[in-house]
Amino acid sequence: MTAPTNVYPLPGTLFPLADSLSSGLLLHRGGKVLYANKAMSRLSGFTPAELIEKDFWAVYPASVGNTIRERGQARLEGEHAVGRYETLLLTKSGDERWVELVVSHEEIQGKRTIVCNFIDVTERKRAEAAQKQAQQLLTQIIDADPVPTLVINARHTVTHWNRACEQVIGLKASELIGTCNQWSAFYPEKRPIMADLIVSGQIEDMLRLYGGKKLRRSPTIEGAYEAEDFFPTMGEKGRWLYFTAAPLRNALGEVIGAIETLQDISERKSAETELLRMHADLEAKVARRTEQLQRAKASLEEDIARREQAEEELLRRYAELTELNVRLQDTRQQLVQSEKMASIGQLAAGVAHEINNPIGYVNSNIRSLKGYVAQLLGVVSCYEEGEAALPPEHRARIEVAKKAADFDYLRDDIHQLLGESEEGTNRVRQIVQDLRDFSRAETTQDWQAADLHHGLDSTLNIASNEIKYRADVVREYGALPLVECLPSQLNQVFMNLFVNAAQAMPDGRRGTITVRTGRDGEMVWIEVADDGQGIPPDVLDKVFDPFFTTKPIGKGTGLGLSLSYGIVKKHRGNISASSTPGAGTRFRITLPVHQEASAGAQE
């Protein structure tokens, strides 16, 4: 291969070899480019001839150019300089690419010449950045998880120990991350935890160590195991923990670590123990009752005259036992429902918080984008004003491009698109804020002067998905003062009434829900009316009883209106219902504007 005349002469046999290299090769002396091979041309986007015409330092972005120049000058002067490092390369298109630069110097024709090899590592750097970002995201997700969670890698080193884990176990993440001392959080002596056994694949040891701890395979996670155990060294009296460990795999399916979640079930275990004690007491009572029945039978055989008295005693005691069982079952159902409602509230607040951050970024970016678009269109307008000075062939090409892109339509439509996007993100932010306000637990027992219209609107916003397919909402608000109340509890009452009204609409017919408010002296009133199926007169006076519901099985617990009744009474108010079958139902709440000083004691 013969070198071009504008390329620094190398031995002729070296040109084919240099052009066959997959890495970019460039020779320069004092910034004057002497030679560039084909790989360097592909990497930079410049032809070899263009590279030879450029100053060597011009192929680097300004941010690194001075450093490269100083190292190159030092190398030409015979000083020691770094010979292998990663830096940025500026391509002909203006893009920046990461390269690994290997630099040496050679004596060519008696002059010190710098030999540069450029290896494109852009994709590797992008992959490293993506992996780092994913790792940071995983760390944030795990740390924000309310479930105590720890993660170890294939070397059994702790990589994650979230805040919930710190609270339950009592050890800080800084004490464990980067170590293999996870055992110290659970046991007085060193031994593997379940996550260690998952990483090592020691299933037999798992059976040996956890076989008597209700060990079982996870029904939902492949390769995961669950167990529960008592840890006497935790806390003052020890703790019962339910834990699940699952393998973490790479793209090849190889185990690269394990994740373990914990749940403090000490209260549940105490409740189970208490339930067993109560069961034993109940059995003892039944045994005593049986003994009494046997004595009664003997008495009956001895004296027929006492038979009626013994039968009455037996029936009375049987009724007591039946009533006791019914009360026990009702109490259990109410506890389960309360736990479910509390869990749903916590989950809703957590989801709202996680959504709020990215929506904030999107909303901010849309506002910035609107400004950028306005500036860009201003620049385009300036260009259009100068079109008349362009040659006819240039104006013709511009006109063709505008028509192909339907430029006038794009210019008008882009503002509408940005406006609709901003409106959409604002809508999402409002829904998230309403959800957070609704699900926020009362942190104090202080009463607040609240705007009931705001509470009604935010609750309607949250319940819109339940309502919008069934009914239209009509607001007939009167003038209301601020009302002294517990806002989140009243929002729960409003939610129950709105959902009940929506569910009262018959299938196939869209109804109307009317919300009215007004003031009567020192009292305010709120009405929620629907034009649904109505409530039969014979059950209307039972709607506020616990566990009473007219809904099908699985559609309601019968606790909503009972809880609402209790909340309104706590506010020294009143709630009533009126209904006409086939025409709809109306609930009316009356509340005092101000609470007496003793209201807090009612809680």
Foldseek 3Di string as FASTA:
>chain_A
DDDDPQAADDPPVCQVVQQPDCWWKWKDALQQTRFIHVNVCVVQVHDRNVCNVGGNLVQAPPVCSVVVNVQRVCVQVVHDHDQWDWGWTQHPVRDIFIWIWGWDWDQDPNGTMIMIITHTCRVVVVVVVVVVVVVVVVQVVQQLDLWFKWKAWLVQATQHGHPNNCVQQVDDPVVGHRHNVPVVSFDPDDDDDPQNCLSVVVVVVCCVVFVVFPWDADPPAPSKIWGWDWGCVGDDGTFIKIKMKHFDADPVRHGTIMMMTIDTCRVVVVVVVVVVVVVVVVVVVVVVLVVVVVVVVVVCVVPVVCVVVSVVVNVVVVVVVVVVVVVVVVVVVVVVVVVVLLVVLVVLLSVLVVVQVVLVVVLVVLVVVVVVLVVVVVVVVVVVVCLVVDPPVVNVVVVVVCVVVVVVCCNVVVVVVSVVSNVVSVLSNLLSVLSNVLSDDDPDLAWDQADVVVLLVSLCSPCVVLAVVAEAEAEAEDDDGGATADSNLVSLLSNLLRNVQRVQADPPDHWYWYWYKDDDVQKIKIKIKIQGQKDDPVCQVVLLPAQDDPDPPPPDRSCSSVSSQVRLVLQVKGWHKDIDGNGIIMIMIMGGRDDDPCSSVSD
